[in-house]
Amino acid sequence: MKLNNVVSYTGTAVTRITEEGVYAQTPEGEKFFPADSVIVSIGSESCVEERDKFRNIAFDVINVGDCYKAADMVNATDTGNAAALS
């Protein structure tokens, strides 16, 4: 990443994506990042508390993605697909 001058921004929330780039709220205020392409990368941690809010109100609660195990998009897709086929 350093070799290609890639800069990471933490504590930053994207507020909108346009054809010209990305607007984000940073700890220093709103910032515009010119871009042709946008890659979204988020941290992951298990969402057990969110999942459990549905236990007594939903017909069926199936653990997929980060509710099953904090991992990556491949895990989310695979567990979602497996749940849909079961």
N, C-alpha and C. Protein backbone atom coordinates (compact mmCIF):
# COMPACT_ATOMS: atom_id res chain seq x y z
N MET A 1 0.82 -1.17 0.00
CA MET A 1 0.00 0.00 0.00
C MET A 1 0.88 1.26 0.00
N LYS A 2 1.90 1.27 0.85
CA LYS A 2 2.78 2.43 0.89
C LYS A 2 3.47 2.64 -0.45
N LEU A 3 3.84 1.53 -1.09
CA LEU A 3 4.53 1.60 -2.37
C LEU A 3 3.68 2.32 -3.43
N ASN A 4 2.37 2.19 -3.33
CA ASN A 4 1.45 2.82 -4.28
C ASN A 4 0.80 4.08 -3.74
N ASN A 5 1.32 4.60 -2.62
CA ASN A 5 0.80 5.83 -2.01
C ASN A 5 -0.69 5.74 -1.66
N VAL A 6 -1.13 4.57 -1.19
CA VAL A 6 -2.52 4.40 -0.78
C VAL A 6 -2.67 4.90 0.66
N VAL A 7 -3.68 5.73 0.89
CA VAL A 7 -3.94 6.29 2.21
C VAL A 7 -5.24 5.68 2.74
N SER A 8 -5.22 5.21 3.99
CA SER A 8 -6.42 4.68 4.64
C SER A 8 -7.00 5.76 5.54
N TYR A 9 -8.34 5.85 5.58
CA TYR A 9 -9.03 6.79 6.44
C TYR A 9 -9.92 6.00 7.39
N THR A 10 -9.65 6.13 8.68
CA THR A 10 -10.50 5.48 9.68
C THR A 10 -11.37 6.54 10.33
N GLY A 11 -12.44 6.13 10.99
CA GLY A 11 -13.34 7.08 11.62
C GLY A 11 -14.01 7.98 10.59
N THR A 12 -14.20 7.45 9.40
CA THR A 12 -14.73 8.22 8.28
C THR A 12 -16.01 7.56 7.78
N ALA A 13 -17.04 8.37 7.52
CA ALA A 13 -18.31 7.85 7.02
C ALA A 13 -18.61 8.47 5.67
N VAL A 14 -18.85 7.64 4.68
CA VAL A 14 -19.22 8.13 3.35
C VAL A 14 -20.61 8.72 3.44
N THR A 15 -20.77 9.94 2.91
CA THR A 15 -22.08 10.58 2.93
C THR A 15 -22.76 10.51 1.58
N ARG A 16 -21.97 10.44 0.51
CA ARG A 16 -22.56 10.23 -0.83
C ARG A 16 -21.45 9.90 -1.83
N ILE A 17 -21.87 9.17 -2.87
CA ILE A 17 -20.97 8.82 -3.97
C ILE A 17 -21.57 9.41 -5.23
N THR A 18 -20.75 10.15 -5.97
CA THR A 18 -21.21 10.76 -7.21
C THR A 18 -20.34 10.24 -8.36
N GLU A 19 -20.65 10.67 -9.56
CA GLU A 19 -19.84 10.26 -10.71
C GLU A 19 -18.43 10.84 -10.64
N GLU A 20 -18.27 11.91 -9.87
CA GLU A 20 -16.95 12.54 -9.76
C GLU A 20 -16.11 11.96 -8.63
N GLY A 21 -16.75 11.36 -7.63
CA GLY A 21 -16.00 10.82 -6.50
C GLY A 21 -16.86 10.60 -5.28
N VAL A 22 -16.23 10.67 -4.10
CA VAL A 22 -16.88 10.34 -2.84
C VAL A 22 -16.79 11.52 -1.87
N TYR A 23 -17.92 11.83 -1.24
CA TYR A 23 -17.94 12.80 -0.15
C TYR A 23 -17.99 12.01 1.14
N ALA A 24 -17.19 12.43 2.11
CA ALA A 24 -17.15 11.71 3.38
C ALA A 24 -17.01 12.68 4.54
N GLN A 25 -17.58 12.27 5.68
CA GLN A 25 -17.42 13.02 6.91
C GLN A 25 -16.22 12.42 7.64
N THR A 26 -15.19 13.19 7.82
CA THR A 26 -13.98 12.75 8.51
C THR A 26 -13.93 13.42 9.88
N PRO A 27 -13.04 13.00 10.75
CA PRO A 27 -12.91 13.70 12.04
C PRO A 27 -12.60 15.19 11.86
N GLU A 28 -12.01 15.56 10.72
CA GLU A 28 -11.68 16.96 10.45
C GLU A 28 -12.80 17.71 9.74
N GLY A 29 -13.88 17.04 9.36
CA GLY A 29 -14.97 17.67 8.62
C GLY A 29 -15.21 16.96 7.30
N GLU A 30 -16.09 17.54 6.44
CA GLU A 30 -16.39 16.90 5.16
C GLU A 30 -15.21 17.01 4.22
N LYS A 31 -14.95 15.92 3.50
CA LYS A 31 -13.84 15.87 2.55
C LYS A 31 -14.35 15.22 1.26
N PHE A 32 -13.83 15.68 0.13
CA PHE A 32 -14.17 15.10 -1.17
C PHE A 32 -12.97 14.33 -1.69
N PHE A 33 -13.23 13.10 -2.16
CA PHE A 33 -12.20 12.24 -2.73
C PHE A 33 -12.53 12.00 -4.20
N PRO A 34 -11.83 12.65 -5.14
CA PRO A 34 -12.10 12.38 -6.55
C PRO A 34 -11.79 10.91 -6.86
N ALA A 35 -12.66 10.27 -7.66
CA ALA A 35 -12.45 8.85 -7.95
C ALA A 35 -13.22 8.43 -9.19
N ASP A 36 -12.64 7.46 -9.95
CA ASP A 36 -13.36 6.82 -11.06
C ASP A 36 -14.08 5.58 -10.54
N SER A 37 -13.48 4.92 -9.53
CA SER A 37 -14.03 3.69 -8.96
C SER A 37 -14.01 3.81 -7.44
N VAL A 38 -14.93 3.11 -6.79
CA VAL A 38 -15.01 3.13 -5.34
C VAL A 38 -15.03 1.69 -4.83
N ILE A 39 -14.17 1.39 -3.87
CA ILE A 39 -14.14 0.08 -3.23
C ILE A 39 -14.59 0.28 -1.80
N VAL A 40 -15.60 -0.46 -1.37
CA VAL A 40 -16.10 -0.35 -0.01
C VAL A 40 -15.50 -1.47 0.82
N SER A 41 -14.87 -1.10 1.92
CA SER A 41 -14.26 -2.09 2.82
C SER A 41 -14.64 -1.70 4.23
N ILE A 42 -15.28 -2.62 4.94
CA ILE A 42 -15.72 -2.32 6.29
C ILE A 42 -15.18 -3.37 7.24
N GLY A 43 -15.04 -3.01 8.47
CA GLY A 43 -14.62 -3.97 9.48
C GLY A 43 -15.75 -4.93 9.77
N SER A 44 -15.42 -6.04 10.37
CA SER A 44 -16.48 -6.99 10.68
C SER A 44 -16.32 -7.51 12.09
N GLU A 45 -17.44 -7.59 12.75
CA GLU A 45 -17.51 -8.24 14.04
C GLU A 45 -18.88 -8.87 14.14
N SER A 46 -18.98 -9.87 14.94
CA SER A 46 -20.22 -10.60 15.04
C SER A 46 -21.37 -9.70 15.48
N CYS A 47 -22.52 -9.87 14.84
CA CYS A 47 -23.71 -9.04 15.12
C CYS A 47 -24.74 -9.82 15.94
N VAL A 48 -24.29 -10.54 16.93
CA VAL A 48 -25.16 -11.41 17.71
C VAL A 48 -26.28 -10.62 18.39
N GLU A 49 -25.98 -9.47 18.97
CA GLU A 49 -27.01 -8.68 19.65
C GLU A 49 -28.10 -8.23 18.68
N GLU A 50 -27.71 -7.81 17.48
CA GLU A 50 -28.70 -7.42 16.46
C GLU A 50 -29.56 -8.62 16.07
N ARG A 51 -28.91 -9.76 15.84
CA ARG A 51 -29.65 -10.97 15.47
C ARG A 51 -30.66 -11.33 16.54
N ASP A 52 -30.25 -11.28 17.80
CA ASP A 52 -31.11 -11.73 18.89
C ASP A 52 -32.34 -10.86 19.08
N LYS A 53 -32.35 -9.63 18.57
CA LYS A 53 -33.53 -8.77 18.66
C LYS A 53 -34.71 -9.36 17.88
N PHE A 54 -34.43 -10.24 16.92
CA PHE A 54 -35.48 -10.82 16.09
C PHE A 54 -35.96 -12.19 16.58
N ARG A 55 -35.34 -12.73 17.61
CA ARG A 55 -35.64 -14.09 18.06
C ARG A 55 -37.12 -14.34 18.34
N ASN A 56 -37.81 -13.42 18.98
CA ASN A 56 -39.20 -13.66 19.37
C ASN A 56 -40.22 -12.98 18.47
N ILE A 57 -39.74 -12.30 17.40
CA ILE A 57 -40.70 -11.60 16.54
C ILE A 57 -40.67 -12.09 15.09
N ALA A 58 -39.65 -12.83 14.72
CA ALA A 58 -39.56 -13.31 13.34
C ALA A 58 -39.90 -14.79 13.29
N PHE A 59 -40.43 -15.22 12.16
CA PHE A 59 -40.79 -16.62 11.99
C PHE A 59 -39.56 -17.52 12.08
N ASP A 60 -38.50 -17.11 11.41
CA ASP A 60 -37.28 -17.92 11.39
C ASP A 60 -36.08 -16.99 11.34
N VAL A 61 -35.10 -17.23 12.18
CA VAL A 61 -33.87 -16.44 12.19
C VAL A 61 -32.73 -17.38 11.80
N ILE A 62 -32.08 -17.06 10.71
CA ILE A 62 -30.99 -17.90 10.20
C ILE A 62 -29.71 -17.08 10.25
N ASN A 63 -28.68 -17.63 10.86
CA ASN A 63 -27.39 -16.94 10.95
C ASN A 63 -26.66 -17.00 9.62
N VAL A 64 -26.37 -15.84 9.05
CA VAL A 64 -25.54 -15.76 7.85
C VAL A 64 -24.57 -14.61 8.03
N GLY A 65 -23.52 -14.61 7.23
CA GLY A 65 -22.54 -13.53 7.26
C GLY A 65 -21.96 -13.34 8.64
N ASP A 66 -21.84 -12.08 9.07
CA ASP A 66 -21.22 -11.78 10.35
C ASP A 66 -22.02 -12.24 11.55
N CYS A 67 -23.32 -12.52 11.38
CA CYS A 67 -24.10 -13.07 12.49
C CYS A 67 -23.66 -14.50 12.79
N TYR A 68 -23.15 -15.16 11.78
CA TYR A 68 -22.67 -16.54 11.95
C TYR A 68 -21.24 -16.53 12.46
N LYS A 69 -20.36 -15.80 11.75
CA LYS A 69 -18.95 -15.72 12.12
C LYS A 69 -18.37 -14.48 11.44
N ALA A 70 -17.71 -13.63 12.21
CA ALA A 70 -17.09 -12.45 11.62
C ALA A 70 -16.05 -12.91 10.62
N ALA A 71 -16.22 -12.50 9.36
CA ALA A 71 -15.31 -12.95 8.32
C ALA A 71 -15.26 -11.93 7.19
N ASP A 72 -15.60 -12.37 5.98
CA ASP A 72 -15.51 -11.50 4.81
C ASP A 72 -16.72 -11.69 3.92
N MET A 73 -16.71 -10.99 2.78
CA MET A 73 -17.85 -11.06 1.85
C MET A 73 -18.07 -12.47 1.30
N VAL A 74 -17.00 -13.22 1.12
CA VAL A 74 -17.15 -14.60 0.61
C VAL A 74 -17.95 -15.42 1.61
N ASN A 75 -17.61 -15.28 2.90
CA ASN A 75 -18.35 -15.99 3.94
C ASN A 75 -19.81 -15.56 3.96
N ALA A 76 -20.06 -14.26 3.85
CA ALA A 76 -21.44 -13.77 3.85
C ALA A 76 -22.23 -14.34 2.69
N THR A 77 -21.63 -14.35 1.51
CA THR A 77 -22.30 -14.88 0.33
C THR A 77 -22.54 -16.38 0.45
N ASP A 78 -21.52 -17.11 0.89
CA ASP A 78 -21.63 -18.56 1.02
C ASP A 78 -22.68 -18.96 2.06
N THR A 79 -22.67 -18.31 3.23
CA THR A 79 -23.64 -18.69 4.26
C THR A 79 -25.05 -18.26 3.87
N GLY A 80 -25.19 -17.13 3.18
CA GLY A 80 -26.50 -16.70 2.69
C GLY A 80 -27.04 -17.65 1.65
N ASN A 81 -26.18 -18.10 0.74
CA ASN A 81 -26.57 -19.05 -0.28
C ASN A 81 -26.97 -20.39 0.36
N ALA A 82 -26.19 -20.84 1.31
CA ALA A 82 -26.50 -22.11 1.98
C ALA A 82 -27.84 -22.02 2.72
N ALA A 83 -28.11 -20.88 3.35
CA ALA A 83 -29.39 -20.70 4.06
C ALA A 83 -30.55 -20.70 3.08
N ALA A 84 -30.37 -20.07 1.93
CA ALA A 84 -31.45 -20.01 0.94
C ALA A 84 -31.75 -21.39 0.37
N LEU A 85 -30.74 -22.22 0.24
CA LEU A 85 -30.94 -23.55 -0.34
C LEU A 85 -31.43 -24.59 0.68
N SER A 86 -31.37 -24.25 1.97
CA SER A 86 -31.79 -25.25 2.98
C SER A 86 -33.26 -25.17 3.29
